[in-house]
Amino acid sequence: MPHFWRKAIFGMAGNVKILAIEMNNTITILVVEDEVSFEKLIRQRLRQEVKNGSYSFVFAGNGQEALALLEVNKEIDIVLIDINMPVMDGLTLLSYLRKDKQQLITVIILANDDMPKIRTAMNLGAFDFVIKPIDFTDLKATIQKAIRELKVIRQAAKARELELMNEQLCQVGRMKSQFLTNISHEFRTPLMVIDGMSDQIVAKPDRWLIRGIQLIKRNSAHLLDMVNQILELTELDDGSLKLNLVQDNIVSYLYQVIEPFYNLAERKNIQLSILDELSELKMDYDPRKLQRVLSNLLSNAIKFNKPGGKIWVKLQGAKSSDFIGSPVGSPEQADWLLLTVKDTGVGIPEGQLSFIFNRFYQGDGSSTRSADGTGIGLALVKELLELMGGQVSVFSRASEGATFQIALPIRRDTSTL
């Protein structure tokens, strides 16, 4: 499976980690008993099972020792627990295991047939019990019964894991199908323009040559941009995408990135403004990746805005990682560059905010959604910023516009242009 889709499986809301549970041929049994002679007796009476690899025993003298062993030994399957022990008795140990080690099968050992303690132990999650003096035929049968229960529990857990994995794979399949549908729509429009305009140029070159070439170049650039975004995601996955830092006035560079969007906003009757608190700030940045980040945010702000809407871009410095409301007076005092893109568009419902940076996520996946997209733009924004040591935040409500704020650390380690 390509990195592109493998990351989608394990990167979804919650980053679910799928683990297959395998049954070990050797059953590891922790015996918690304060009588030293009991360990010797166990080893003698069950030596054949130990020799042939059926059982492996670990011993603890009280509940505290048992808890310490369980923290370091993850292979323990069954715990035999004496009820009466110093330091921490068996019932107290059971209460801890019930809370933190529910996957273990526990069997209690009593010196007599004490039904109240047996009931208490069972209520605390014990699977079975044996009575002292130990009848080893009975103990072996109890262990075998516990092993059968262990297998049932693990098989059920494995079935749940496989079911969950199947659900995840189905979800990725749906995401892949949606992504291919979305990107097909995104490719189709510029390709149709290019194809149609080529025919017009051939039929009427005097009328369409200049305008047609402009349209072809603009739509070709759009197609190339989408391909580059997909390639950048793939390079992020395999770790081959590297920073190409320069040190220069980032403010003037950001103005250059924003400039082409004035015409795009004007064609949709949207007012684009820069609220400039910085006139100059020399720092390290990657021009290509920063352009990708800001272009995606501005494109979305225009795409999801309405005629008569507004977009503001604000540049400021901040000292704190708690960026909102923490600007400083001069760029020399700042540790972070804050770039905020705010719009008066359709906004984002609160329930979708935690998903919008996931790959291929579409807030409106229907065929009638108001704006097209591939579902990779904001994911690329987040991952590129993380590569640059920065981060992105979003603040929005449905019908109330959206505010995206990116923060980049101000560093000056690269040679000056």
Protein backbone atom coordinates (compact mmCIF):
# COMPACT_ATOMS: atom_id res chain seq x y z
CA MET A 1 0.00 0.00 0.00
CA PRO A 2 1.45 3.41 -0.94
CA HIS A 3 2.50 5.82 1.82
CA PHE A 4 -0.20 8.18 0.55
CA TRP A 5 -3.04 5.87 1.62
CA ARG A 6 -1.27 4.10 4.47
CA LYS A 7 -1.02 7.40 6.31
CA ALA A 8 -4.72 7.96 5.76
CA ILE A 9 -5.48 4.68 7.55
CA PHE A 10 -3.49 5.47 10.66
CA GLY A 11 -3.97 9.28 10.65
CA MET A 12 -7.75 9.39 11.07
CA ALA A 13 -9.60 11.26 13.96
CA GLY A 14 -7.92 9.72 16.97
CA ASN A 15 -4.85 8.16 15.07
CA VAL A 16 -6.34 4.56 15.78
CA LYS A 17 -3.55 1.99 16.12
CA ILE A 18 -4.44 -1.51 14.93
CA LEU A 19 -2.71 -4.36 16.73
CA ALA A 20 -3.20 -8.07 16.07
CA ILE A 21 -3.25 -10.20 19.23
CA GLU A 22 -1.34 -13.43 18.82
CA MET A 23 -1.56 -16.40 21.16
CA ASN A 24 1.81 -17.40 22.56
CA ASN A 25 2.35 -21.18 22.72
CA THR A 26 3.77 -20.83 26.22
CA ILE A 27 1.36 -19.61 28.90
CA THR A 28 3.12 -17.37 31.44
CA ILE A 29 1.68 -17.65 34.94
CA LEU A 30 2.45 -15.23 37.75
CA VAL A 31 2.16 -16.89 41.18
CA VAL A 32 1.64 -14.38 44.00
CA GLU A 33 2.27 -16.26 47.26
CA ASP A 34 4.25 -15.35 50.39
CA GLU A 35 5.11 -18.97 51.31
CA VAL A 36 8.55 -19.66 49.83
CA SER A 37 7.92 -23.41 49.86
CA PHE A 38 4.99 -22.95 47.47
CA GLU A 39 7.31 -21.89 44.64
CA LYS A 40 9.37 -25.05 45.07
CA LEU A 41 6.22 -27.16 45.14
CA ILE A 42 4.89 -25.57 41.94
CA ARG A 43 8.17 -26.17 40.12
CA GLN A 44 8.24 -29.81 41.21
CA ARG A 45 4.63 -30.74 40.52
CA LEU A 46 4.42 -28.88 37.19
CA ARG A 47 7.97 -29.51 35.98
CA GLN A 48 6.78 -31.54 32.98
CA GLU A 49 4.58 -28.69 31.76
CA VAL A 50 7.47 -26.26 32.19
CA LYS A 51 9.88 -28.64 30.44
CA ASN A 52 7.68 -29.07 27.36
CA GLY A 53 7.06 -25.32 27.11
CA SER A 54 3.38 -25.36 28.05
CA TYR A 55 3.83 -23.15 31.12
CA SER A 56 6.32 -20.56 32.30
CA PHE A 57 6.17 -19.38 35.92
CA VAL A 58 7.04 -16.04 37.50
CA PHE A 59 6.85 -15.58 41.30
CA ALA A 60 6.08 -12.67 43.62
CA GLY A 61 5.89 -12.60 47.41
CA ASN A 62 3.05 -10.05 47.75
CA GLY A 63 0.73 -7.81 45.81
CA GLN A 64 3.20 -4.93 45.50
CA GLU A 65 5.86 -7.19 43.98
CA ALA A 66 3.24 -8.59 41.62
CA LEU A 67 2.25 -5.12 40.37
CA ALA A 68 5.91 -4.25 39.77
CA LEU A 69 6.41 -7.48 37.79
CA LEU A 70 3.31 -6.87 35.72
CA GLU A 71 4.62 -3.44 34.71
CA VAL A 72 7.82 -4.89 33.24
CA ASN A 73 6.64 -8.32 32.07
CA LYS A 74 3.96 -7.94 29.40
CA GLU A 75 3.93 -11.69 28.64
CA ILE A 76 2.00 -12.67 31.79
CA ASP A 77 -1.31 -14.34 30.92
CA ILE A 78 -2.68 -15.80 34.18
CA VAL A 79 -2.19 -14.73 37.81
CA LEU A 80 -2.56 -17.14 40.77
CA ILE A 81 -3.16 -14.98 43.85
CA ASP A 82 -3.05 -16.00 47.49
CA ILE A 83 -5.67 -14.09 49.43
CA ASN A 84 -3.71 -13.72 52.68
CA MET A 85 -0.32 -12.01 52.19
CA PRO A 86 1.70 -9.29 53.94
CA VAL A 87 2.28 -5.77 52.53
CA MET A 88 -0.59 -6.09 49.99
CA ASP A 89 -3.12 -8.91 50.23
CA GLY A 90 -4.82 -10.70 47.36
CA LEU A 91 -8.11 -8.79 47.46
CA THR A 92 -6.31 -5.45 47.31
CA LEU A 93 -4.23 -6.73 44.40
CA LEU A 94 -7.41 -7.84 42.62
CA SER A 95 -8.87 -4.36 42.99
CA TYR A 96 -5.81 -2.89 41.24
CA LEU A 97 -5.89 -5.50 38.48
CA ARG A 98 -9.59 -4.94 37.91
CA LYS A 99 -8.85 -1.28 37.23
CA ASP A 100 -5.63 -1.49 35.20
CA LYS A 101 -5.15 -5.10 33.98
CA GLN A 102 -8.56 -6.31 32.92
CA GLN A 103 -7.09 -8.53 30.21
CA LEU A 104 -5.50 -10.86 32.80
CA ILE A 105 -7.15 -14.09 33.99
CA THR A 106 -6.94 -14.28 37.79
CA VAL A 107 -7.37 -17.34 40.02
CA ILE A 108 -7.40 -16.95 43.82
CA ILE A 109 -5.93 -19.32 46.40
CA LEU A 110 -7.56 -19.69 49.83
CA ALA A 111 -6.50 -21.61 52.91
CA ASN A 112 -10.10 -22.68 53.51
CA ASP A 113 -13.51 -22.58 51.91
CA ASP A 114 -14.26 -18.96 52.88
CA MET A 115 -17.34 -18.10 50.84
CA PRO A 116 -17.50 -14.38 51.76
CA LYS A 117 -13.92 -13.89 50.51
CA ILE A 118 -14.63 -15.99 47.42
CA ARG A 119 -17.66 -13.83 46.60
CA THR A 120 -15.63 -10.65 47.18
CA ALA A 121 -12.86 -11.96 44.92
CA MET A 122 -15.33 -12.90 42.18
CA ASN A 123 -16.92 -9.45 42.40
CA LEU A 124 -13.42 -8.03 41.91
CA GLY A 125 -13.01 -9.98 38.68
CA ALA A 126 -11.44 -13.29 39.75
CA PHE A 127 -12.11 -16.07 37.23
CA ASP A 128 -11.92 -19.08 39.61
CA PHE A 129 -10.45 -20.28 42.89
CA VAL A 130 -8.55 -23.22 44.43
CA ILE A 131 -8.40 -24.28 48.06
CA LYS A 132 -5.31 -25.08 50.16
CA PRO A 133 -3.87 -27.61 50.64
CA ILE A 134 -3.52 -27.61 46.87
CA ASP A 135 -4.87 -30.56 44.95
CA PHE A 136 -2.60 -30.33 41.89
CA THR A 137 -5.01 -32.29 39.73
CA ASP A 138 -7.60 -29.65 40.55
CA LEU A 139 -5.02 -26.86 40.00
CA LYS A 140 -4.08 -28.23 36.56
CA ALA A 141 -7.75 -28.46 35.59
CA THR A 142 -8.32 -24.89 36.80
CA ILE A 143 -5.32 -23.64 34.81
CA GLN A 144 -6.59 -25.43 31.68
CA LYS A 145 -10.01 -23.87 32.18
CA ALA A 146 -8.37 -20.46 32.58
CA ILE A 147 -6.38 -21.03 29.36
CA ARG A 148 -9.57 -21.85 27.47
CA GLU A 149 -11.15 -18.67 28.79
CA LEU A 150 -8.01 -16.73 27.82
CA LYS A 151 -8.24 -18.05 24.26
CA VAL A 152 -11.91 -17.10 24.03
CA ILE A 153 -11.15 -13.58 25.29
CA ARG A 154 -8.23 -13.13 22.90
CA GLN A 155 -10.13 -14.52 19.95
CA ALA A 156 -12.96 -12.10 20.71
CA ALA A 157 -10.45 -9.24 21.02
CA LYS A 158 -8.83 -10.25 17.73
CA ALA A 159 -12.25 -10.40 16.07
CA ARG A 160 -12.98 -6.88 17.35
CA GLU A 161 -9.60 -5.65 16.08
CA LEU A 162 -10.22 -7.23 12.67
CA GLU A 163 -13.69 -5.71 12.56
CA LEU A 164 -12.23 -2.32 13.45
CA MET A 165 -9.50 -2.74 10.83
CA ASN A 166 -12.15 -3.64 8.26
CA GLU A 167 -14.12 -0.53 9.18
CA GLN A 168 -10.96 1.55 8.84
CA LEU A 169 -10.16 0.03 5.45
CA CYS A 170 -13.72 0.61 4.28
CA GLN A 171 -13.46 4.22 5.43
CA VAL A 172 -10.18 4.63 3.57
CA GLY A 173 -11.84 3.09 0.51
CA ARG A 174 -14.63 5.64 0.76
CA MET A 175 -12.09 8.43 1.27
CA LYS A 176 -10.09 7.22 -1.73
CA SER A 177 -13.23 7.06 -3.86
CA GLN A 178 -14.28 10.54 -2.71
CA PHE A 179 -10.79 11.89 -3.33
CA LEU A 180 -10.70 10.44 -6.85
CA THR A 181 -14.17 11.87 -7.53
CA ASN A 182 -13.16 15.28 -6.20
CA ILE A 183 -9.88 15.43 -8.07
CA SER A 184 -11.57 14.22 -11.26
CA HIS A 185 -13.94 17.19 -11.02
CA GLU A 186 -10.98 19.48 -10.29
CA PHE A 187 -9.07 18.19 -13.32
CA ARG A 188 -12.08 18.06 -15.62
CA THR A 189 -12.90 21.79 -15.68
CA PRO A 190 -9.45 23.12 -16.67
CA LEU A 191 -8.98 20.24 -19.13
CA MET A 192 -12.31 21.08 -20.78
CA VAL A 193 -11.28 24.75 -21.00
CA ILE A 194 -7.92 23.78 -22.55
CA ASP A 195 -9.54 21.37 -25.00
CA GLY A 196 -12.32 23.77 -25.99
CA MET A 197 -10.01 26.74 -26.33
CA SER A 198 -7.59 24.74 -28.50
CA ASP A 199 -10.46 24.05 -30.89
CA GLN A 200 -11.40 27.75 -30.91
CA ILE A 201 -7.83 28.78 -31.69
CA VAL A 202 -7.64 26.31 -34.58
CA ALA A 203 -11.02 27.45 -35.94
CA LYS A 204 -10.57 31.21 -35.44
CA PRO A 205 -6.95 32.04 -34.62
CA ASP A 206 -7.33 35.77 -35.29
CA ARG A 207 -10.06 36.04 -32.67
CA TRP A 208 -8.92 33.55 -30.00
CA LEU A 209 -5.14 33.17 -30.21
CA ILE A 210 -4.03 35.68 -27.56
CA ARG A 211 -6.95 35.20 -25.17
CA GLY A 212 -6.95 31.44 -25.72
CA ILE A 213 -3.25 31.04 -24.91
CA GLN A 214 -3.78 33.03 -21.70
CA LEU A 215 -6.65 30.75 -20.65
CA ILE A 216 -4.68 27.63 -21.56
CA LYS A 217 -1.65 28.77 -19.56
CA ARG A 218 -3.81 29.71 -16.54
CA ASN A 219 -5.63 26.39 -16.51
CA SER A 220 -2.41 24.45 -17.15
CA ALA A 221 -0.87 26.20 -14.14
CA HIS A 222 -3.89 25.18 -12.04
CA LEU A 223 -3.49 21.53 -13.08
CA LEU A 224 0.23 21.62 -12.37
CA ASP A 225 -0.43 23.12 -8.96
CA MET A 226 -2.78 20.26 -8.01
CA VAL A 227 -0.26 17.66 -9.18
CA ASN A 228 2.48 19.37 -7.16
CA GLN A 229 0.32 19.34 -4.02
CA ILE A 230 -0.21 15.59 -4.34
CA LEU A 231 3.51 15.04 -4.94
CA GLU A 232 4.38 17.16 -1.90
CA LEU A 233 2.11 15.03 0.31
CA THR A 234 3.86 11.92 -0.97
CA GLU A 235 7.27 13.46 -0.26
CA LEU A 236 6.12 14.41 3.25
CA ASP A 237 5.13 10.79 3.82
CA ASP A 238 8.48 9.31 2.85
CA GLY A 239 10.52 12.08 4.47
CA SER A 240 12.11 13.26 1.23
CA LEU A 241 10.62 16.78 1.32
CA LYS A 242 13.33 19.10 2.69
CA LEU A 243 13.40 22.76 3.64
CA ASN A 244 15.15 25.21 1.31
CA LEU A 245 15.61 28.16 3.64
CA VAL A 246 16.63 31.68 2.78
CA GLN A 247 17.04 34.70 5.06
CA ASP A 248 15.34 37.81 3.76
CA ASN A 249 12.52 40.28 4.43
CA ILE A 250 9.57 37.91 4.75
CA VAL A 251 7.05 40.79 4.80
CA SER A 252 7.87 41.93 1.26
CA TYR A 253 7.79 38.31 0.09
CA LEU A 254 4.32 37.79 1.58
CA TYR A 255 3.13 40.89 -0.26
CA GLN A 256 4.33 39.28 -3.49
CA VAL A 257 2.38 36.09 -2.68
CA ILE A 258 -0.80 38.04 -1.85
CA GLU A 259 -0.65 40.34 -4.91
CA PRO A 260 -2.20 37.93 -7.51
CA PHE A 261 -5.17 37.27 -5.22
CA TYR A 262 -6.39 40.87 -5.44
CA ASN A 263 -7.58 40.31 -9.01
CA LEU A 264 -9.10 36.95 -8.13
CA ALA A 265 -11.00 38.49 -5.22
CA GLU A 266 -12.07 41.49 -7.28
CA ARG A 267 -13.59 39.24 -9.97
CA LYS A 268 -15.83 37.77 -7.26
CA ASN A 269 -16.58 41.23 -5.78
CA ILE A 270 -14.69 40.41 -2.59
CA GLN A 271 -12.60 43.01 -0.78
CA LEU A 272 -9.09 41.79 0.13
CA SER A 273 -7.14 43.95 2.62
CA ILE A 274 -3.82 43.71 4.43
CA LEU A 275 -3.69 44.88 8.05
CA ASP A 276 0.03 45.43 8.28
CA GLU A 277 1.65 45.74 11.71
CA LEU A 278 5.06 44.85 10.28
CA SER A 279 6.93 46.66 7.52
CA GLU A 280 10.07 44.57 7.63
CA LEU A 281 11.15 41.34 9.29
CA LYS A 282 14.27 39.47 8.28
CA MET A 283 14.09 35.79 9.13
CA ASP A 284 14.63 32.30 7.73
CA TYR A 285 11.82 30.92 5.59
CA ASP A 286 11.20 28.54 2.71
CA PRO A 287 9.66 30.66 -0.09
CA ARG A 288 8.03 27.82 -2.03
CA LYS A 289 6.44 26.16 0.99
CA LEU A 290 5.32 29.44 2.52
CA GLN A 291 3.71 30.37 -0.81
CA ARG A 292 1.89 27.02 -0.82
CA VAL A 293 0.56 27.60 2.70
CA LEU A 294 -0.65 31.17 2.17
CA SER A 295 -2.01 30.48 -1.32
CA ASN A 296 -4.14 27.61 0.00
CA LEU A 297 -5.56 29.77 2.79
CA LEU A 298 -6.32 32.70 0.47
CA SER A 299 -7.83 30.42 -2.19
CA ASN A 300 -10.16 28.91 0.40
CA ALA A 301 -11.07 32.33 1.79
CA ILE A 302 -12.13 33.44 -1.71
CA LYS A 303 -13.72 30.12 -2.67
CA PHE A 304 -15.95 29.96 0.42
CA ASN A 305 -16.84 33.65 0.46
CA LYS A 306 -19.76 35.37 -1.24
CA PRO A 307 -19.94 38.46 -3.46
CA GLY A 308 -19.65 41.51 -1.23
CA GLY A 309 -17.59 39.60 1.31
CA LYS A 310 -14.30 40.65 2.89
CA ILE A 311 -10.93 39.05 3.58
CA TRP A 312 -8.26 40.44 5.89
CA VAL A 313 -4.63 39.37 6.06
CA LYS A 314 -2.78 40.47 9.18
CA LEU A 315 0.95 40.26 9.94
CA GLN A 316 2.28 40.65 13.47
CA GLY A 317 4.90 39.37 15.87
CA ALA A 318 4.34 37.52 19.13
CA LYS A 319 6.41 36.43 22.11
CA SER A 320 4.21 33.63 23.36
CA SER A 321 3.06 30.33 21.88
CA ASP A 322 -0.39 31.41 23.09
CA PHE A 323 -0.62 33.47 19.95
CA ILE A 324 -4.02 35.11 19.92
CA GLY A 325 -3.86 38.36 21.87
CA SER A 326 -0.10 38.24 22.43
CA PRO A 327 1.41 40.67 19.89
CA VAL A 328 4.56 42.65 20.68
CA GLY A 329 5.56 46.14 19.69
CA SER A 330 8.52 45.54 17.39
CA PRO A 331 9.74 42.61 15.30
CA GLU A 332 13.02 42.56 17.22
CA GLN A 333 11.11 41.57 20.37
CA ALA A 334 9.13 38.81 18.65
CA ASP A 335 9.86 35.08 18.74
CA TRP A 336 7.07 34.18 16.30
CA LEU A 337 5.61 35.59 13.14
CA LEU A 338 1.82 35.47 13.12
CA LEU A 339 -0.07 35.52 9.84
CA THR A 340 -3.84 35.65 10.12
CA VAL A 341 -6.30 35.15 7.26
CA LYS A 342 -9.86 36.12 8.22
CA ASP A 343 -12.94 36.05 6.00
CA THR A 344 -16.68 36.72 6.14
CA GLY A 345 -17.58 33.53 4.27
CA VAL A 346 -19.77 30.54 5.03
CA GLY A 347 -17.69 29.50 8.05
CA ILE A 348 -17.11 26.00 9.39
CA PRO A 349 -19.56 24.16 11.68
CA GLU A 350 -18.08 23.54 15.12
CA GLY A 351 -18.37 19.76 14.74
CA GLN A 352 -16.08 19.83 11.67
CA LEU A 353 -13.24 21.92 13.08
CA SER A 354 -11.29 18.96 14.48
CA PHE A 355 -11.31 17.21 11.07
CA ILE A 356 -10.57 19.93 8.52
CA PHE A 357 -6.80 19.33 8.56
CA ASN A 358 -7.25 15.59 7.90
CA ARG A 359 -6.30 14.43 4.43
CA PHE A 360 -9.15 14.13 1.93
CA TYR A 361 -11.68 15.50 4.42
CA GLN A 362 -14.59 17.36 2.84
CA GLY A 363 -16.95 19.22 5.13
CA ASP A 364 -19.66 18.77 2.51
CA GLY A 365 -19.10 15.55 0.61
CA SER A 366 -22.25 15.80 -1.47
CA SER A 367 -22.34 16.29 -5.22
CA THR A 368 -24.12 19.59 -4.65
CA ARG A 369 -21.53 21.19 -2.39
CA SER A 370 -21.01 24.87 -3.06
CA ALA A 371 -17.26 24.69 -3.73
CA ASP A 372 -15.07 21.99 -5.21
CA GLY A 373 -11.78 20.79 -3.81
CA THR A 374 -9.55 17.76 -3.46
CA GLY A 375 -9.54 17.66 0.34
CA ILE A 376 -5.75 17.92 0.56
CA GLY A 377 -5.16 21.69 0.73
CA LEU A 378 -5.55 22.22 4.48
CA ALA A 379 -3.81 18.94 5.27
CA LEU A 380 -0.86 20.18 3.23
CA VAL A 381 -0.95 23.53 5.04
CA LYS A 382 -0.70 21.82 8.43
CA GLU A 383 2.02 19.36 7.42
CA LEU A 384 4.17 21.96 5.66
CA LEU A 385 3.95 24.26 8.67
CA GLU A 386 4.98 21.43 10.97
CA LEU A 387 7.95 20.77 8.68
CA MET A 388 8.90 24.45 9.10
CA GLY A 389 8.50 24.25 12.89
CA GLY A 390 5.25 26.20 12.81
CA GLN A 391 1.60 25.51 13.44
CA VAL A 392 -1.88 26.48 12.32
CA SER A 393 -5.06 27.26 14.26
CA VAL A 394 -8.62 27.82 13.12
CA PHE A 395 -11.50 29.73 14.71
CA SER A 396 -14.88 29.57 13.06
CA ARG A 397 -18.62 29.08 13.30
CA ALA A 398 -21.12 28.25 10.60
CA SER A 399 -22.25 31.36 8.67
CA GLU A 400 -19.81 33.56 10.62
CA GLY A 401 -16.66 33.29 8.52
CA ALA A 402 -13.37 31.66 9.44
CA THR A 403 -10.07 32.81 10.89
CA PHE A 404 -6.90 30.85 10.17
CA GLN A 405 -3.77 31.81 12.04
CA ILE A 406 -0.35 30.43 11.18
CA ALA A 407 2.68 30.88 13.40
CA LEU A 408 6.29 30.54 12.28
CA PRO A 409 9.30 30.66 14.61
CA ILE A 410 11.56 33.62 13.91
CA ARG A 411 15.03 32.23 13.26
CA ARG A 412 18.12 33.73 11.64
CA ASP A 413 20.48 30.81 11.06
CA THR A 414 20.66 30.92 7.26
CA SER A 415 22.95 33.08 5.15
CA THR A 416 21.43 36.43 4.17
CA LEU A 417 20.37 36.88 0.55
